[in-house]
Amino acid sequence: MKGLSVAVLFSIFVYLAGASGAFGQVKTTSALAHVGSMKIPFAMAGNAFALWQRGSFVYVTGRFSASPVFQFLDKDGHVTSTFTFSIPKALLINLYDNSVTLGQDGSLAITGTAYSDDSRAGMFLAWVSPDRREQTIIRISPFFPKAVTLASDGTIWLAGDETKPNHQAQDYTQHLLRHYDKTG
């Protein structure tokens, strides 16, 4: 009973102290103020995703197609460049959430799954140069990447796990980090 009375007295003290301003006045402000809006030149659909990185709005369409398209927009919503990603002999490329990152120099790191004409799948990591003229594609199967980032020194970091051959139980408790340079 003594514990209950101490708790009740403490609650009353806190209430009275707050009401009298003993803890100072709490001010509520709007930290995030709406500063404007613009129409984007495309429709968001289930086969697309977007991210904001390094001062660019990166919009990816056709993320489950043979050639996903990347559009880069500035802060005013103007398209600054467009890039179509493809892998030789891949009939389907799947890009998942958290599978694209933009480096400080404008390079791209892309992860996902590529399917050949005989429906064989392989996980990949791609590095694309800032001018979009060079790309390096690395087969990383049986590693399944779930997130990618580019460090300031240009190294690519992947988080994910190893997949096992069919009919073997997967162990999703063994998460791994891997890192690569742009040559693989």
C-alpha atoms as a PDB file:
ATOM      1  CA  MET A   1       0.000   0.000   0.000  1.00  0.00           C
ATOM      2  CA  LYS A   2       2.917   2.309   0.801  1.00  0.00           C
ATOM      3  CA  GLY A   3       4.268   1.838  -2.771  1.00  0.00           C
ATOM      4  CA  LEU A   4       0.921   2.822  -4.218  1.00  0.00           C
ATOM      5  CA  SER A   5       0.722   6.001  -2.184  1.00  0.00           C
ATOM      6  CA  VAL A   6       4.250   7.017  -3.224  1.00  0.00           C
ATOM      7  CA  ALA A   7       3.293   6.466  -6.876  1.00  0.00           C
ATOM      8  CA  VAL A   8       0.114   8.524  -6.479  1.00  0.00           C
ATOM      9  CA  LEU A   9       1.978  11.345  -4.723  1.00  0.00           C
ATOM     10  CA  PHE A  10       4.684  11.345  -7.405  1.00  0.00           C
ATOM     11  CA  SER A  11       2.030  11.515 -10.162  1.00  0.00           C
ATOM     12  CA  ILE A  12       0.347  14.459  -8.447  1.00  0.00           C
ATOM     13  CA  PHE A  13       3.730  16.194  -8.066  1.00  0.00           C
ATOM     14  CA  VAL A  14       4.546  15.736 -11.766  1.00  0.00           C
ATOM     15  CA  TYR A  15       1.116  17.021 -12.758  1.00  0.00           C
ATOM     16  CA  LEU A  16       1.339  20.085 -10.525  1.00  0.00           C
ATOM     17  CA  ALA A  17       4.930  20.834 -11.495  1.00  0.00           C
ATOM     18  CA  GLY A  18       4.030  20.630 -15.173  1.00  0.00           C
ATOM     19  CA  ALA A  19       0.933  22.782 -14.718  1.00  0.00           C
ATOM     20  CA  SER A  20       2.887  25.431 -12.828  1.00  0.00           C
ATOM     21  CA  GLY A  21       5.645  25.533 -15.443  1.00  0.00           C
ATOM     22  CA  ALA A  22       8.331  24.104 -13.141  1.00  0.00           C
ATOM     23  CA  PHE A  23       9.651  21.978 -16.023  1.00  0.00           C
ATOM     24  CA  GLY A  24       9.480  24.809 -18.521  1.00  0.00           C
ATOM     25  CA  GLN A  25       6.989  25.388 -21.223  1.00  0.00           C
ATOM     26  CA  VAL A  26       6.652  22.814 -23.933  1.00  0.00           C
ATOM     27  CA  LYS A  27       6.320  24.401 -27.312  1.00  0.00           C
ATOM     28  CA  THR A  28       4.978  22.560 -30.289  1.00  0.00           C
ATOM     29  CA  THR A  29       6.327  23.571 -33.648  1.00  0.00           C
ATOM     30  CA  SER A  30       6.048  22.180 -37.107  1.00  0.00           C
ATOM     31  CA  ALA A  31       9.570  20.975 -37.840  1.00  0.00           C
ATOM     32  CA  LEU A  32       8.601  19.837 -41.311  1.00  0.00           C
ATOM     33  CA  ALA A  33       6.834  22.592 -43.147  1.00  0.00           C
ATOM     34  CA  HIS A  34       5.307  22.062 -46.577  1.00  0.00           C
ATOM     35  CA  VAL A  35       7.326  24.209 -48.966  1.00  0.00           C
ATOM     36  CA  GLY A  36       5.710  23.328 -52.250  1.00  0.00           C
ATOM     37  CA  SER A  37       4.770  20.608 -54.666  1.00  0.00           C
ATOM     38  CA  MET A  38       5.135  19.803 -58.326  1.00  0.00           C
ATOM     39  CA  LYS A  39       3.679  17.384 -60.825  1.00  0.00           C
ATOM     40  CA  ILE A  40       6.011  14.566 -61.737  1.00  0.00           C
ATOM     41  CA  PRO A  41       6.226  13.670 -65.422  1.00  0.00           C
ATOM     42  CA  PHE A  42       5.224  10.024 -64.885  1.00  0.00           C
ATOM     43  CA  ALA A  43       2.824   7.836 -62.950  1.00  0.00           C
ATOM     44  CA  MET A  44       3.948   5.784 -59.972  1.00  0.00           C
ATOM     45  CA  ALA A  45       3.035   2.158 -60.668  1.00  0.00           C
ATOM     46  CA  GLY A  46       3.712  -1.257 -59.176  1.00  0.00           C
ATOM     47  CA  ASN A  47       6.535  -1.871 -61.625  1.00  0.00           C
ATOM     48  CA  ALA A  48       8.411   1.236 -60.464  1.00  0.00           C
ATOM     49  CA  PHE A  49      10.108   2.692 -57.411  1.00  0.00           C
ATOM     50  CA  ALA A  50      11.873   5.889 -56.478  1.00  0.00           C
ATOM     51  CA  LEU A  51      14.562   7.051 -54.089  1.00  0.00           C
ATOM     52  CA  TRP A  52      16.200  10.329 -53.191  1.00  0.00           C
ATOM     53  CA  GLN A  53      19.987  10.182 -52.977  1.00  0.00           C
ATOM     54  CA  ARG A  54      22.844  12.631 -53.319  1.00  0.00           C
ATOM     55  CA  GLY A  55      20.604  15.481 -54.440  1.00  0.00           C
ATOM     56  CA  SER A  56      18.829  13.467 -57.139  1.00  0.00           C
ATOM     57  CA  PHE A  57      15.415  11.895 -57.320  1.00  0.00           C
ATOM     58  CA  VAL A  58      16.008   8.513 -58.956  1.00  0.00           C
ATOM     59  CA  TYR A  59      12.911   6.999 -60.538  1.00  0.00           C
ATOM     60  CA  VAL A  60      13.133   3.413 -61.829  1.00  0.00           C
ATOM     61  CA  THR A  61      10.494   1.992 -64.182  1.00  0.00           C
ATOM     62  CA  GLY A  62      10.321  -1.516 -65.580  1.00  0.00           C
ATOM     63  CA  ARG A  63      12.033  -2.996 -62.555  1.00  0.00           C
ATOM     64  CA  PHE A  64      10.694  -6.424 -63.575  1.00  0.00           C
ATOM     65  CA  SER A  65      11.624  -6.267 -67.264  1.00  0.00           C
ATOM     66  CA  ALA A  66      14.513  -6.895 -69.644  1.00  0.00           C
ATOM     67  CA  SER A  67      15.652  -3.282 -69.441  1.00  0.00           C
ATOM     68  CA  PRO A  68      14.786  -1.129 -66.414  1.00  0.00           C
ATOM     69  CA  VAL A  69      14.852   2.615 -67.073  1.00  0.00           C
ATOM     70  CA  PHE A  70      16.404   5.081 -64.627  1.00  0.00           C
ATOM     71  CA  GLN A  71      15.356   8.734 -64.697  1.00  0.00           C
ATOM     72  CA  PHE A  72      17.260  11.294 -62.648  1.00  0.00           C
ATOM     73  CA  LEU A  73      15.430  14.437 -61.583  1.00  0.00           C
ATOM     74  CA  ASP A  74      16.721  17.552 -59.854  1.00  0.00           C
ATOM     75  CA  LYS A  75      15.087  19.207 -56.840  1.00  0.00           C
ATOM     76  CA  ASP A  76      12.751  21.137 -59.137  1.00  0.00           C
ATOM     77  CA  GLY A  77      11.440  17.971 -60.800  1.00  0.00           C
ATOM     78  CA  HIS A  78      13.244  18.371 -64.103  1.00  0.00           C
ATOM     79  CA  VAL A  79      14.638  15.233 -65.723  1.00  0.00           C
ATOM     80  CA  THR A  80      18.415  15.681 -65.876  1.00  0.00           C
ATOM     81  CA  SER A  81      19.259  12.321 -67.464  1.00  0.00           C
ATOM     82  CA  THR A  82      17.851   8.928 -68.398  1.00  0.00           C
ATOM     83  CA  PHE A  83      19.631   5.582 -68.433  1.00  0.00           C
ATOM     84  CA  THR A  84      18.433   2.154 -69.601  1.00  0.00           C
ATOM     85  CA  PHE A  85      20.059  -0.772 -67.804  1.00  0.00           C
ATOM     86  CA  SER A  86      20.482  -4.129 -69.496  1.00  0.00           C
ATOM     87  CA  ILE A  87      22.508  -7.292 -69.093  1.00  0.00           C
ATOM     88  CA  PRO A  88      23.606  -9.211 -72.196  1.00  0.00           C
ATOM     89  CA  LYS A  89      21.528 -12.399 -72.708  1.00  0.00           C
ATOM     90  CA  ALA A  90      19.157 -11.552 -69.832  1.00  0.00           C
ATOM     91  CA  LEU A  91      15.501 -11.759 -70.808  1.00  0.00           C
ATOM     92  CA  LEU A  92      14.285 -10.540 -67.422  1.00  0.00           C
ATOM     93  CA  ILE A  93      15.874  -8.405 -64.718  1.00  0.00           C
ATOM     94  CA  ASN A  94      14.254  -8.093 -61.309  1.00  0.00           C
ATOM     95  CA  LEU A  95      15.225  -5.100 -59.188  1.00  0.00           C
ATOM     96  CA  TYR A  96      13.918  -5.136 -55.634  1.00  0.00           C
ATOM     97  CA  ASP A  97      13.456  -2.475 -52.971  1.00  0.00           C
ATOM     98  CA  ASN A  98      16.854  -1.265 -51.680  1.00  0.00           C
ATOM     99  CA  SER A  99      18.599  -2.639 -54.777  1.00  0.00           C
ATOM    100  CA  VAL A 100      19.848   0.650 -56.223  1.00  0.00           C
ATOM    101  CA  THR A 101      22.188   3.270 -54.817  1.00  0.00           C
ATOM    102  CA  LEU A 102      23.798   6.388 -56.216  1.00  0.00           C
ATOM    103  CA  GLY A 103      27.422   7.144 -55.341  1.00  0.00           C
ATOM    104  CA  GLN A 104      28.881  10.543 -54.506  1.00  0.00           C
ATOM    105  CA  ASP A 105      30.501  10.662 -57.940  1.00  0.00           C
ATOM    106  CA  GLY A 106      27.225   9.783 -59.693  1.00  0.00           C
ATOM    107  CA  SER A 107      28.022   6.120 -60.248  1.00  0.00           C
ATOM    108  CA  LEU A 108      25.311   3.522 -59.680  1.00  0.00           C
ATOM    109  CA  ALA A 109      25.362   0.196 -57.883  1.00  0.00           C
ATOM    110  CA  ILE A 110      22.497  -2.110 -58.814  1.00  0.00           C
ATOM    111  CA  THR A 111      21.653  -5.563 -57.459  1.00  0.00           C
ATOM    112  CA  GLY A 112      18.962  -8.001 -58.405  1.00  0.00           C
ATOM    113  CA  THR A 113      18.200 -11.214 -60.221  1.00  0.00           C
ATOM    114  CA  ALA A 114      18.688 -11.827 -63.941  1.00  0.00           C
ATOM    115  CA  TYR A 115      16.952 -14.614 -65.866  1.00  0.00           C
ATOM    116  CA  SER A 116      18.260 -16.208 -69.051  1.00  0.00           C
ATOM    117  CA  ASP A 117      16.177 -17.517 -71.958  1.00  0.00           C
ATOM    118  CA  ASP A 118      16.089 -20.972 -70.345  1.00  0.00           C
ATOM    119  CA  SER A 119      14.708 -19.471 -67.079  1.00  0.00           C
ATOM    120  CA  ARG A 120      17.910 -19.915 -65.109  1.00  0.00           C
ATOM    121  CA  ALA A 121      18.279 -17.226 -62.476  1.00  0.00           C
ATOM    122  CA  GLY A 122      21.405 -15.627 -61.100  1.00  0.00           C
ATOM    123  CA  MET A 123      21.888 -12.832 -58.595  1.00  0.00           C
ATOM    124  CA  PHE A 124      24.102 -10.000 -59.776  1.00  0.00           C
ATOM    125  CA  LEU A 125      25.826  -6.815 -58.711  1.00  0.00           C
ATOM    126  CA  ALA A 126      26.356  -4.138 -61.341  1.00  0.00           C
ATOM    127  CA  TRP A 127      28.489  -1.013 -61.172  1.00  0.00           C
ATOM    128  CA  VAL A 128      27.666   1.724 -63.696  1.00  0.00           C
ATOM    129  CA  SER A 129      30.033   4.648 -64.282  1.00  0.00           C
ATOM    130  CA  PRO A 130      28.870   8.228 -63.678  1.00  0.00           C
ATOM    131  CA  ASP A 131      28.713   8.912 -67.438  1.00  0.00           C
ATOM    132  CA  ARG A 132      26.734   5.620 -67.902  1.00  0.00           C
ATOM    133  CA  ARG A 133      29.166   4.417 -70.611  1.00  0.00           C
ATOM    134  CA  GLU A 134      30.819   1.645 -68.595  1.00  0.00           C
ATOM    135  CA  GLN A 135      29.328  -1.112 -66.507  1.00  0.00           C
ATOM    136  CA  THR A 136      30.715  -4.090 -64.675  1.00  0.00           C
ATOM    137  CA  ILE A 137      28.393  -6.987 -63.885  1.00  0.00           C
ATOM    138  CA  ILE A 138      29.369  -9.555 -61.287  1.00  0.00           C
ATOM    139  CA  ARG A 139      27.495 -12.808 -60.712  1.00  0.00           C
ATOM    140  CA  ILE A 140      27.156 -13.142 -56.937  1.00  0.00           C
ATOM    141  CA  SER A 141      24.937 -16.264 -56.652  1.00  0.00           C
ATOM    142  CA  PRO A 142      24.309 -17.991 -54.277  1.00  0.00           C
ATOM    143  CA  PHE A 143      24.527 -14.735 -52.293  1.00  0.00           C
ATOM    144  CA  PHE A 144      21.157 -12.957 -52.246  1.00  0.00           C
ATOM    145  CA  PRO A 145      21.564  -9.200 -51.698  1.00  0.00           C
ATOM    146  CA  LYS A 146      18.848  -7.386 -49.765  1.00  0.00           C
ATOM    147  CA  ALA A 147      20.433  -3.918 -49.671  1.00  0.00           C
ATOM    148  CA  VAL A 148      23.262  -2.084 -51.407  1.00  0.00           C
ATOM    149  CA  THR A 149      25.192   1.103 -50.712  1.00  0.00           C
ATOM    150  CA  LEU A 150      28.215   2.849 -52.167  1.00  0.00           C
ATOM    151  CA  ALA A 151      30.802   4.123 -49.703  1.00  0.00           C
ATOM    152  CA  SER A 152      32.587   7.449 -50.225  1.00  0.00           C
ATOM    153  CA  ASP A 153      35.730   5.581 -51.353  1.00  0.00           C
ATOM    154  CA  GLY A 154      33.762   3.886 -54.165  1.00  0.00           C
ATOM    155  CA  THR A 155      33.504   0.441 -52.586  1.00  0.00           C
ATOM    156  CA  ILE A 156      30.156  -1.296 -52.839  1.00  0.00           C
ATOM    157  CA  TRP A 157      28.629  -2.878 -49.743  1.00  0.00           C
ATOM    158  CA  LEU A 158      25.920  -5.525 -49.873  1.00  0.00           C
ATOM    159  CA  ALA A 159      23.824  -6.951 -47.052  1.00  0.00           C
ATOM    160  CA  GLY A 160      22.073 -10.266 -47.586  1.00  0.00           C
ATOM    161  CA  ASP A 161      22.387 -13.984 -47.087  1.00  0.00           C
ATOM    162  CA  GLU A 162      23.498 -17.163 -48.839  1.00  0.00           C
ATOM    163  CA  THR A 163      20.844 -19.207 -50.588  1.00  0.00           C
ATOM    164  CA  LYS A 164      20.969 -22.984 -50.594  1.00  0.00           C
ATOM    165  CA  PRO A 165      20.226 -25.366 -53.461  1.00  0.00           C
ATOM    166  CA  ASN A 166      16.643 -26.549 -53.904  1.00  0.00           C
ATOM    167  CA  HIS A 167      15.236 -28.872 -51.266  1.00  0.00           C
ATOM    168  CA  GLN A 168      17.610 -27.644 -48.565  1.00  0.00           C
ATOM    169  CA  ALA A 169      16.311 -25.632 -45.630  1.00  0.00           C
ATOM    170  CA  GLN A 170      17.279 -21.962 -45.751  1.00  0.00           C
ATOM    171  CA  ASP A 171      19.005 -20.448 -42.725  1.00  0.00           C
ATOM    172  CA  TYR A 172      18.052 -16.774 -42.637  1.00  0.00           C
ATOM    173  CA  THR A 173      19.862 -16.190 -39.336  1.00  0.00           C
ATOM    174  CA  GLN A 174      23.253 -15.959 -41.054  1.00  0.00           C
ATOM    175  CA  HIS A 175      23.171 -12.453 -42.496  1.00  0.00           C
ATOM    176  CA  LEU A 176      26.292 -11.418 -44.341  1.00  0.00           C
ATOM    177  CA  LEU A 177      27.996  -8.218 -45.432  1.00  0.00           C
ATOM    178  CA  ARG A 178      30.094  -8.278 -48.560  1.00  0.00           C
ATOM    179  CA  HIS A 179      32.063  -5.515 -50.180  1.00  0.00           C
ATOM    180  CA  TYR A 180      33.436  -5.081 -53.668  1.00  0.00           C
ATOM    181  CA  ASP A 181      35.328  -2.515 -55.636  1.00  0.00           C
ATOM    182  CA  LYS A 182      33.990  -1.391 -59.014  1.00  0.00           C
ATOM    183  CA  THR A 183      35.914  -4.165 -60.794  1.00  0.00           C
ATOM    184  CA  GLY A 184      34.293  -6.891 -58.727  1.00  0.00           C
END
